[in-house]
Amino acid sequence: MIEVKNIIKSFDGRVVLNNISAIFEDGKTNLIIGRSGSGKTVLIKDIIGLIRPDSGEILYDGRDLISMSKKELNKLRREMGMLFQGSALFDSMTVLENVMFPLDMFSNASAAERRKRAQFCLDRVNLSDAEDLYPSEISGGMMKRAAIARAIALNPKYLFCDEPNSGLDPKTSLLIDDLIHDITVEYNMTTVINTHDMNSVMNIGDNIIFIREGVKEWQGNKEEVITSRNKALNDFIFASDLAKKVREVEEKESKHG
């Protein structure tokens, strides 16, 4: 479990996060949603230690990240898996070599054991047949799955995903959502996802935190988000849904245009 308590973060005198407290639960997909500039990316960067909040606490199973020594922080980061927005695979490495990369960097296992672990992770995301291919030879959805395999290679306790469905079609996005959720439950990870995708919210939103102008405006699950009477949340959901429909119409027109 990750708990943030009373996080405040400012840049050049402007408050970006204003007294945010939230709990991110084990075995659940915890989603952070909000408009661009709302502070959700800054919150994730605070949580993983890329930037330091002005005040507050960030607790990993009771361990305060903010007060950790460099050695303790490096140890904690080995318990984290990261899924970046653009997958961030190395073009010069095969899919298998990409998945092996964190194992080669941080694992004391033998080369044979590291390879076996990487192959297991690729099999878990249904990419066993692609291990000898390069990123340029696979689809965007396959690249995301390879990135997920790499993110779980070190068997992390905490998984962070930045816009995991960015650039994917709706069908592939659904598959990625389901895969992240299944892995979260299977390994009882604390998964934190930064997303704009309302389909993800409705599909895998076990725990949803809505941030508006640096303030936690609402928290609940995918069932509660539908019945919420929070005007700012409803406006955000409607705007997201409307924008999605406009994009779909534009894509259809361009295809038949």
C-alpha atoms as a PDB file:
ATOM      1  CA  MET A   1       0.000   0.000   0.000  1.00  0.00           C
ATOM      2  CA  ILE A   2       1.119   3.528  -0.808  1.00  0.00           C
ATOM      3  CA  GLU A   3      -0.223   6.420   1.233  1.00  0.00           C
ATOM      4  CA  VAL A   4       0.330  10.102   0.565  1.00  0.00           C
ATOM      5  CA  LYS A   5      -0.438  12.518   3.369  1.00  0.00           C
ATOM      6  CA  ASN A   6      -0.941  16.264   3.018  1.00  0.00           C
ATOM      7  CA  ILE A   7       1.321  16.650  -0.021  1.00  0.00           C
ATOM      8  CA  ILE A   8       2.036  20.230  -1.034  1.00  0.00           C
ATOM      9  CA  LYS A   9       4.198  21.111  -4.045  1.00  0.00           C
ATOM     10  CA  SER A  10       4.894  24.533  -5.522  1.00  0.00           C
ATOM     11  CA  PHE A  11       6.926  25.787  -8.481  1.00  0.00           C
ATOM     12  CA  ASP A  12       8.045  29.434  -8.538  1.00  0.00           C
ATOM     13  CA  GLY A  13       5.496  30.318  -5.897  1.00  0.00           C
ATOM     14  CA  ARG A  14       2.590  28.635  -7.697  1.00  0.00           C
ATOM     15  CA  VAL A  15       0.924  25.821  -5.763  1.00  0.00           C
ATOM     16  CA  VAL A  16       0.587  22.767  -8.037  1.00  0.00           C
ATOM     17  CA  LEU A  17      -0.471  20.223  -5.396  1.00  0.00           C
ATOM     18  CA  ASN A  18      -2.475  21.543  -2.478  1.00  0.00           C
ATOM     19  CA  ASN A  19      -2.667  19.322   0.602  1.00  0.00           C
ATOM     20  CA  ILE A  20      -3.388  16.055  -1.230  1.00  0.00           C
ATOM     21  CA  SER A  21      -3.952  12.877   0.787  1.00  0.00           C
ATOM     22  CA  ALA A  22      -4.843   9.498  -0.730  1.00  0.00           C
ATOM     23  CA  ILE A  23      -4.377   5.754  -0.301  1.00  0.00           C
ATOM     24  CA  PHE A  24      -3.336   3.494  -3.197  1.00  0.00           C
ATOM     25  CA  GLU A  25      -4.323  -0.065  -2.358  1.00  0.00           C
ATOM     26  CA  ASP A  26      -2.620  -3.429  -2.892  1.00  0.00           C
ATOM     27  CA  GLY A  27      -4.062  -5.698  -5.568  1.00  0.00           C
ATOM     28  CA  LYS A  28      -6.013  -2.848  -7.155  1.00  0.00           C
ATOM     29  CA  THR A  29      -5.647  -0.584 -10.155  1.00  0.00           C
ATOM     30  CA  ASN A  30      -5.472   2.913  -8.673  1.00  0.00           C
ATOM     31  CA  LEU A  31      -6.188   5.572 -11.299  1.00  0.00           C
ATOM     32  CA  ILE A  32      -5.254   9.248 -11.129  1.00  0.00           C
ATOM     33  CA  ILE A  33      -7.401  11.303 -13.505  1.00  0.00           C
ATOM     34  CA  GLY A  34      -7.788  14.993 -14.277  1.00  0.00           C
ATOM     35  CA  ARG A  35      -7.378  17.572 -16.993  1.00  0.00           C
ATOM     36  CA  SER A  36      -3.968  18.503 -18.390  1.00  0.00           C
ATOM     37  CA  GLY A  37      -2.251  20.781 -15.901  1.00  0.00           C
ATOM     38  CA  SER A  38      -4.312  19.521 -12.973  1.00  0.00           C
ATOM     39  CA  GLY A  39      -1.231  18.224 -11.138  1.00  0.00           C
ATOM     40  CA  LYS A  40      -1.627  14.478 -11.622  1.00  0.00           C
ATOM     41  CA  THR A  41       1.757  14.058 -13.343  1.00  0.00           C
ATOM     42  CA  VAL A  42       3.470  16.063 -10.602  1.00  0.00           C
ATOM     43  CA  LEU A  43       1.784  13.820  -8.025  1.00  0.00           C
ATOM     44  CA  ILE A  44       3.144  10.654  -9.640  1.00  0.00           C
ATOM     45  CA  LYS A  45       6.620  12.201  -9.873  1.00  0.00           C
ATOM     46  CA  ASP A  46       6.423  12.991  -6.158  1.00  0.00           C
ATOM     47  CA  ILE A  47       5.284   9.458  -5.361  1.00  0.00           C
ATOM     48  CA  ILE A  48       8.170   7.795  -7.193  1.00  0.00           C
ATOM     49  CA  GLY A  49      10.746  10.252  -5.866  1.00  0.00           C
ATOM     50  CA  LEU A  50      11.618  12.099  -9.083  1.00  0.00           C
ATOM     51  CA  ILE A  51      10.743  15.385  -7.408  1.00  0.00           C
ATOM     52  CA  ARG A  52      10.437  16.272  -3.740  1.00  0.00           C
ATOM     53  CA  PRO A  53       7.252  17.766  -2.255  1.00  0.00           C
ATOM     54  CA  ASP A  54       7.491  20.909  -0.149  1.00  0.00           C
ATOM     55  CA  SER A  55       5.774  19.122   2.726  1.00  0.00           C
ATOM     56  CA  GLY A  56       3.833  15.950   3.536  1.00  0.00           C
ATOM     57  CA  GLU A  57       4.549  12.231   3.684  1.00  0.00           C
ATOM     58  CA  ILE A  58       4.777   9.466   1.058  1.00  0.00           C
ATOM     59  CA  LEU A  59       4.568   6.071   2.742  1.00  0.00           C
ATOM     60  CA  TYR A  60       5.389   2.750   1.088  1.00  0.00           C
ATOM     61  CA  ASP A  61       3.999   0.127   3.451  1.00  0.00           C
ATOM     62  CA  GLY A  62       4.816   2.514   6.288  1.00  0.00           C
ATOM     63  CA  ARG A  63       8.248   3.562   4.973  1.00  0.00           C
ATOM     64  CA  ASP A  64       8.514   7.305   4.346  1.00  0.00           C
ATOM     65  CA  LEU A  65      10.130   7.939   0.959  1.00  0.00           C
ATOM     66  CA  ILE A  66      10.884  11.578   1.791  1.00  0.00           C
ATOM     67  CA  SER A  67      13.077  10.747   4.770  1.00  0.00           C
ATOM     68  CA  MET A  68      14.941   7.870   3.059  1.00  0.00           C
ATOM     69  CA  SER A  69      18.691   7.906   2.513  1.00  0.00           C
ATOM     70  CA  LYS A  70      19.993   7.520  -1.044  1.00  0.00           C
ATOM     71  CA  LYS A  71      20.761   3.857  -0.343  1.00  0.00           C
ATOM     72  CA  GLU A  72      17.255   3.227   1.003  1.00  0.00           C
ATOM     73  CA  LEU A  73      15.694   5.043  -1.964  1.00  0.00           C
ATOM     74  CA  ASN A  74      17.673   2.957  -4.455  1.00  0.00           C
ATOM     75  CA  LYS A  75      16.491  -0.194  -2.691  1.00  0.00           C
ATOM     76  CA  LEU A  76      12.881   0.989  -2.864  1.00  0.00           C
ATOM     77  CA  ARG A  77      13.177   1.737  -6.578  1.00  0.00           C
ATOM     78  CA  ARG A  78      14.109  -1.884  -7.179  1.00  0.00           C
ATOM     79  CA  GLU A  79      10.636  -2.720  -5.869  1.00  0.00           C
ATOM     80  CA  MET A  80       9.054  -0.478  -8.536  1.00  0.00           C
ATOM     81  CA  GLY A  81       8.055  -1.297 -12.097  1.00  0.00           C
ATOM     82  CA  MET A  82       7.588   1.502 -14.640  1.00  0.00           C
ATOM     83  CA  LEU A  83       5.466   1.529 -17.791  1.00  0.00           C
ATOM     84  CA  PHE A  84       6.254   4.690 -19.739  1.00  0.00           C
ATOM     85  CA  GLN A  85       3.864   6.476 -22.089  1.00  0.00           C
ATOM     86  CA  GLY A  86       5.851   5.706 -25.234  1.00  0.00           C
ATOM     87  CA  SER A  87       6.864   2.192 -24.075  1.00  0.00           C
ATOM     88  CA  ALA A  88      10.535   3.391 -24.087  1.00  0.00           C
ATOM     89  CA  LEU A  89      11.941   0.191 -25.555  1.00  0.00           C
ATOM     90  CA  PHE A  90      15.534   0.250 -26.806  1.00  0.00           C
ATOM     91  CA  ASP A  91      15.509   0.111 -30.612  1.00  0.00           C
ATOM     92  CA  SER A  92      18.864  -1.654 -30.800  1.00  0.00           C
ATOM     93  CA  MET A  93      17.739  -4.521 -28.540  1.00  0.00           C
ATOM     94  CA  THR A  94      15.428  -7.417 -29.288  1.00  0.00           C
ATOM     95  CA  VAL A  95      12.193  -7.758 -27.343  1.00  0.00           C
ATOM     96  CA  LEU A  96      13.828 -10.384 -25.102  1.00  0.00           C
ATOM     97  CA  GLU A  97      16.901  -8.211 -24.521  1.00  0.00           C
ATOM     98  CA  ASN A  98      14.644  -5.285 -23.579  1.00  0.00           C
ATOM     99  CA  VAL A  99      12.867  -7.385 -20.970  1.00  0.00           C
ATOM    100  CA  MET A 100      16.204  -8.693 -19.676  1.00  0.00           C
ATOM    101  CA  PHE A 101      17.617  -5.166 -19.299  1.00  0.00           C
ATOM    102  CA  PRO A 102      16.441  -4.487 -15.697  1.00  0.00           C
ATOM    103  CA  LEU A 103      17.435  -8.033 -14.747  1.00  0.00           C
ATOM    104  CA  ASP A 104      20.936  -7.499 -16.154  1.00  0.00           C
ATOM    105  CA  MET A 105      21.152  -4.217 -14.243  1.00  0.00           C
ATOM    106  CA  PHE A 106      19.788  -5.208 -10.844  1.00  0.00           C
ATOM    107  CA  SER A 107      19.532  -8.996 -10.503  1.00  0.00           C
ATOM    108  CA  ASN A 108      22.239 -11.249  -9.073  1.00  0.00           C
ATOM    109  CA  ALA A 109      20.785 -14.281 -10.875  1.00  0.00           C
ATOM    110  CA  SER A 110      22.811 -16.185 -13.467  1.00  0.00           C
ATOM    111  CA  ALA A 111      22.489 -15.334 -17.171  1.00  0.00           C
ATOM    112  CA  ALA A 112      20.422 -18.467 -17.713  1.00  0.00           C
ATOM    113  CA  GLU A 113      18.084 -17.581 -14.828  1.00  0.00           C
ATOM    114  CA  ARG A 114      17.686 -14.003 -16.080  1.00  0.00           C
ATOM    115  CA  ARG A 115      16.821 -15.259 -19.548  1.00  0.00           C
ATOM    116  CA  LYS A 116      14.313 -17.737 -18.127  1.00  0.00           C
ATOM    117  CA  ARG A 117      12.654 -14.997 -16.061  1.00  0.00           C
ATOM    118  CA  ALA A 118      12.421 -12.693 -19.096  1.00  0.00           C
ATOM    119  CA  GLN A 119      10.899 -15.481 -21.184  1.00  0.00           C
ATOM    120  CA  PHE A 120       8.376 -16.179 -18.413  1.00  0.00           C
ATOM    121  CA  CYS A 121       7.335 -12.504 -18.407  1.00  0.00           C
ATOM    122  CA  LEU A 122       6.982 -12.471 -22.191  1.00  0.00           C
ATOM    123  CA  ASP A 123       4.856 -15.596 -22.012  1.00  0.00           C
ATOM    124  CA  ARG A 124       2.686 -13.904 -19.365  1.00  0.00           C
ATOM    125  CA  VAL A 125       1.876 -11.102 -21.823  1.00  0.00           C
ATOM    126  CA  ASN A 126       1.488 -13.509 -24.776  1.00  0.00           C
ATOM    127  CA  LEU A 127       4.653 -12.404 -26.580  1.00  0.00           C
ATOM    128  CA  SER A 128       6.721 -15.590 -26.562  1.00  0.00           C
ATOM    129  CA  ASP A 129       6.862 -15.667 -30.356  1.00  0.00           C
ATOM    130  CA  ALA A 130       8.266 -12.134 -30.559  1.00  0.00           C
ATOM    131  CA  GLU A 131      11.347 -12.449 -28.342  1.00  0.00           C
ATOM    132  CA  ASP A 132      13.822 -12.269 -31.259  1.00  0.00           C
ATOM    133  CA  LEU A 133      12.115  -9.347 -32.988  1.00  0.00           C
ATOM    134  CA  TYR A 134      13.101  -5.697 -32.652  1.00  0.00           C
ATOM    135  CA  PRO A 135      10.687  -2.933 -31.542  1.00  0.00           C
ATOM    136  CA  SER A 136      10.479  -1.628 -35.128  1.00  0.00           C
ATOM    137  CA  GLU A 137       9.156  -5.034 -36.203  1.00  0.00           C
ATOM    138  CA  ILE A 138       6.172  -5.197 -33.848  1.00  0.00           C
ATOM    139  CA  SER A 139       2.917  -3.276 -33.460  1.00  0.00           C
ATOM    140  CA  GLY A 140       2.191  -0.541 -30.918  1.00  0.00           C
ATOM    141  CA  GLY A 141       0.103  -2.918 -28.826  1.00  0.00           C
ATOM    142  CA  MET A 142       2.888  -5.507 -28.824  1.00  0.00           C
ATOM    143  CA  MET A 143       5.351  -2.815 -27.774  1.00  0.00           C
ATOM    144  CA  LYS A 144       3.127  -1.973 -24.798  1.00  0.00           C
ATOM    145  CA  ARG A 145       2.958  -5.634 -23.837  1.00  0.00           C
ATOM    146  CA  ALA A 146       6.739  -5.927 -24.108  1.00  0.00           C
ATOM    147  CA  ALA A 147       7.055  -2.848 -21.892  1.00  0.00           C
ATOM    148  CA  ILE A 148       4.712  -4.453 -19.349  1.00  0.00           C
ATOM    149  CA  ALA A 149       6.834  -7.618 -19.403  1.00  0.00           C
ATOM    150  CA  ARG A 150       9.922  -5.499 -18.718  1.00  0.00           C
ATOM    151  CA  ALA A 151       8.119  -3.609 -15.945  1.00  0.00           C
ATOM    152  CA  ILE A 152       7.291  -6.831 -14.077  1.00  0.00           C
ATOM    153  CA  ALA A 153      10.638  -8.565 -14.729  1.00  0.00           C
ATOM    154  CA  LEU A 154      11.947  -7.784 -11.236  1.00  0.00           C
ATOM    155  CA  ASN A 155       8.650  -8.895  -9.669  1.00  0.00           C
ATOM    156  CA  PRO A 156       7.842  -5.405  -8.330  1.00  0.00           C
ATOM    157  CA  LYS A 157       5.573  -4.633  -5.409  1.00  0.00           C
ATOM    158  CA  TYR A 158       4.570  -1.331  -7.000  1.00  0.00           C
ATOM    159  CA  LEU A 159       3.731  -0.694 -10.663  1.00  0.00           C
ATOM    160  CA  PHE A 160       3.438   2.802 -12.168  1.00  0.00           C
ATOM    161  CA  CYS A 161       1.878   3.393 -15.583  1.00  0.00           C
ATOM    162  CA  ASP A 162       1.915   6.718 -17.425  1.00  0.00           C
ATOM    163  CA  GLU A 163      -0.902   6.916 -20.003  1.00  0.00           C
ATOM    164  CA  PRO A 164      -0.585   3.201 -20.912  1.00  0.00           C
ATOM    165  CA  ASN A 165      -3.174   3.476 -23.722  1.00  0.00           C
ATOM    166  CA  SER A 166      -1.676   6.492 -25.433  1.00  0.00           C
ATOM    167  CA  GLY A 167      -1.640   6.017 -29.208  1.00  0.00           C
ATOM    168  CA  LEU A 168      -3.561   2.740 -29.162  1.00  0.00           C
ATOM    169  CA  ASP A 169      -6.858   1.899 -30.846  1.00  0.00           C
ATOM    170  CA  PRO A 170      -9.860   1.172 -28.554  1.00  0.00           C
ATOM    171  CA  LYS A 171      -9.669  -2.616 -28.924  1.00  0.00           C
ATOM    172  CA  THR A 172      -5.947  -2.770 -28.123  1.00  0.00           C
ATOM    173  CA  SER A 173      -6.442  -0.304 -25.265  1.00  0.00           C
ATOM    174  CA  LEU A 174      -8.992  -2.661 -23.731  1.00  0.00           C
ATOM    175  CA  LEU A 175      -6.555  -5.572 -23.989  1.00  0.00           C
ATOM    176  CA  ILE A 176      -3.800  -3.540 -22.297  1.00  0.00           C
ATOM    177  CA  ASP A 177      -6.199  -2.457 -19.535  1.00  0.00           C
ATOM    178  CA  ASP A 178      -7.237  -6.043 -18.873  1.00  0.00           C
ATOM    179  CA  LEU A 179      -3.623  -7.234 -18.878  1.00  0.00           C
ATOM    180  CA  ILE A 180      -2.527  -4.577 -16.369  1.00  0.00           C
ATOM    181  CA  HIS A 181      -5.503  -5.341 -14.136  1.00  0.00           C
ATOM    182  CA  ASP A 182      -4.985  -9.119 -14.290  1.00  0.00           C
ATOM    183  CA  ILE A 183      -1.286  -8.808 -13.452  1.00  0.00           C
ATOM    184  CA  THR A 184      -2.069  -6.405 -10.605  1.00  0.00           C
ATOM    185  CA  VAL A 185      -4.483  -8.884  -9.023  1.00  0.00           C
ATOM    186  CA  GLU A 186      -2.326 -11.928  -9.766  1.00  0.00           C
ATOM    187  CA  TYR A 187       0.800 -10.496  -8.116  1.00  0.00           C
ATOM    188  CA  ASN A 188      -1.042  -8.359  -5.547  1.00  0.00           C
ATOM    189  CA  MET A 189       0.816  -5.250  -6.706  1.00  0.00           C
ATOM    190  CA  THR A 190      -0.022  -1.667  -5.883  1.00  0.00           C
ATOM    191  CA  THR A 191      -0.623  -0.274  -9.368  1.00  0.00           C
ATOM    192  CA  VAL A 192      -0.910   3.471  -9.954  1.00  0.00           C
ATOM    193  CA  ILE A 193      -2.048   4.655 -13.390  1.00  0.00           C
ATOM    194  CA  ASN A 194      -2.029   8.194 -14.730  1.00  0.00           C
ATOM    195  CA  THR A 195      -4.669   8.357 -17.487  1.00  0.00           C
ATOM    196  CA  HIS A 196      -7.052  10.487 -19.544  1.00  0.00           C
ATOM    197  CA  ASP A 197      -8.847   7.431 -20.930  1.00  0.00           C
ATOM    198  CA  MET A 198     -12.413   7.221 -19.634  1.00  0.00           C
ATOM    199  CA  ASN A 199     -12.703   3.680 -21.010  1.00  0.00           C
ATOM    200  CA  SER A 200      -9.910   2.703 -18.610  1.00  0.00           C
ATOM    201  CA  VAL A 201     -11.733   4.449 -15.766  1.00  0.00           C
ATOM    202  CA  MET A 202     -14.912   2.481 -16.443  1.00  0.00           C
ATOM    203  CA  ASN A 203     -13.127  -0.803 -17.163  1.00  0.00           C
ATOM    204  CA  ILE A 204     -10.464  -1.122 -14.455  1.00  0.00           C
ATOM    205  CA  GLY A 205     -11.066   1.786 -12.054  1.00  0.00           C
ATOM    206  CA  ASP A 206     -10.861  -0.080  -8.737  1.00  0.00           C
ATOM    207  CA  ASN A 207      -9.802   3.123  -6.975  1.00  0.00           C
ATOM    208  CA  ILE A 208     -10.067   6.490  -8.762  1.00  0.00           C
ATOM    209  CA  ILE A 209      -8.613   9.807  -7.640  1.00  0.00           C
ATOM    210  CA  PHE A 210      -9.796  12.900  -9.495  1.00  0.00           C
ATOM    211  CA  ILE A 211      -7.530  15.941  -9.223  1.00  0.00           C
ATOM    212  CA  ARG A 212      -8.686  19.435 -10.165  1.00  0.00           C
ATOM    213  CA  GLU A 213      -6.364  22.428 -10.065  1.00  0.00           C
ATOM    214  CA  GLY A 214      -4.013  20.725  -7.629  1.00  0.00           C
ATOM    215  CA  VAL A 215      -6.715  19.598  -5.211  1.00  0.00           C
ATOM    216  CA  LYS A 216      -8.123  16.110  -4.713  1.00  0.00           C
ATOM    217  CA  GLU A 217     -11.677  16.769  -5.796  1.00  0.00           C
ATOM    218  CA  TRP A 218     -13.113  13.242  -5.542  1.00  0.00           C
ATOM    219  CA  GLN A 219     -12.171   9.627  -4.779  1.00  0.00           C
ATOM    220  CA  GLY A 220     -14.176   6.473  -5.430  1.00  0.00           C
ATOM    221  CA  ASN A 221     -14.481   3.459  -7.742  1.00  0.00           C
ATOM    222  CA  LYS A 222     -15.830   2.856 -11.253  1.00  0.00           C
ATOM    223  CA  GLU A 223     -19.338   2.131  -9.955  1.00  0.00           C
ATOM    224  CA  GLU A 224     -19.432   5.298  -7.868  1.00  0.00           C
ATOM    225  CA  VAL A 225     -18.082   7.530 -10.632  1.00  0.00           C
ATOM    226  CA  ILE A 226     -21.308   7.067 -12.604  1.00  0.00           C
ATOM    227  CA  THR A 227     -23.563   8.189  -9.763  1.00  0.00           C
ATOM    228  CA  SER A 228     -21.332  10.954  -8.429  1.00  0.00           C
ATOM    229  CA  ARG A 229     -22.942  14.365  -7.972  1.00  0.00           C
ATOM    230  CA  ASN A 230     -19.589  16.135  -8.062  1.00  0.00           C
ATOM    231  CA  LYS A 231     -20.058  18.761 -10.781  1.00  0.00           C
ATOM    232  CA  ALA A 232     -16.351  19.087 -11.633  1.00  0.00           C
ATOM    233  CA  LEU A 233     -16.044  15.308 -12.038  1.00  0.00           C
ATOM    234  CA  ASN A 234     -19.184  15.102 -14.160  1.00  0.00           C
ATOM    235  CA  ASP A 235     -17.944  17.950 -16.362  1.00  0.00           C
ATOM    236  CA  PHE A 236     -14.609  16.163 -16.806  1.00  0.00           C
ATOM    237  CA  ILE A 237     -16.253  12.843 -17.702  1.00  0.00           C
ATOM    238  CA  PHE A 238     -18.664  14.470 -20.165  1.00  0.00           C
ATOM    239  CA  ALA A 239     -15.916  16.517 -21.812  1.00  0.00           C
ATOM    240  CA  SER A 240     -13.693  13.437 -22.132  1.00  0.00           C
ATOM    241  CA  ASP A 241     -16.528  11.370 -23.602  1.00  0.00           C
ATOM    242  CA  LEU A 242     -17.549  14.149 -25.988  1.00  0.00           C
ATOM    243  CA  ALA A 243     -13.976  14.663 -27.181  1.00  0.00           C
ATOM    244  CA  LYS A 244     -13.658  10.933 -27.793  1.00  0.00           C
ATOM    245  CA  LYS A 245     -16.836  10.888 -29.888  1.00  0.00           C
ATOM    246  CA  VAL A 246     -15.646  13.899 -31.926  1.00  0.00           C
ATOM    247  CA  ARG A 247     -12.322  12.144 -32.640  1.00  0.00           C
ATOM    248  CA  GLU A 248     -14.150   8.990 -33.729  1.00  0.00           C
ATOM    249  CA  VAL A 249     -16.363  10.983 -36.126  1.00  0.00           C
ATOM    250  CA  GLU A 250     -13.330  12.815 -37.540  1.00  0.00           C
ATOM    251  CA  GLU A 251     -11.499   9.513 -38.096  1.00  0.00           C
ATOM    252  CA  LYS A 252     -14.501   8.007 -39.923  1.00  0.00           C
ATOM    253  CA  GLU A 253     -14.838  11.091 -42.111  1.00  0.00           C
ATOM    254  CA  SER A 254     -11.152  11.079 -42.990  1.00  0.00           C
ATOM    255  CA  LYS A 255     -11.336   7.436 -44.013  1.00  0.00           C
ATOM    256  CA  HIS A 256     -14.311   8.032 -46.273  1.00  0.00           C
ATOM    257  CA  GLY A 257     -13.347  11.519 -47.289  1.00  0.00           C
END
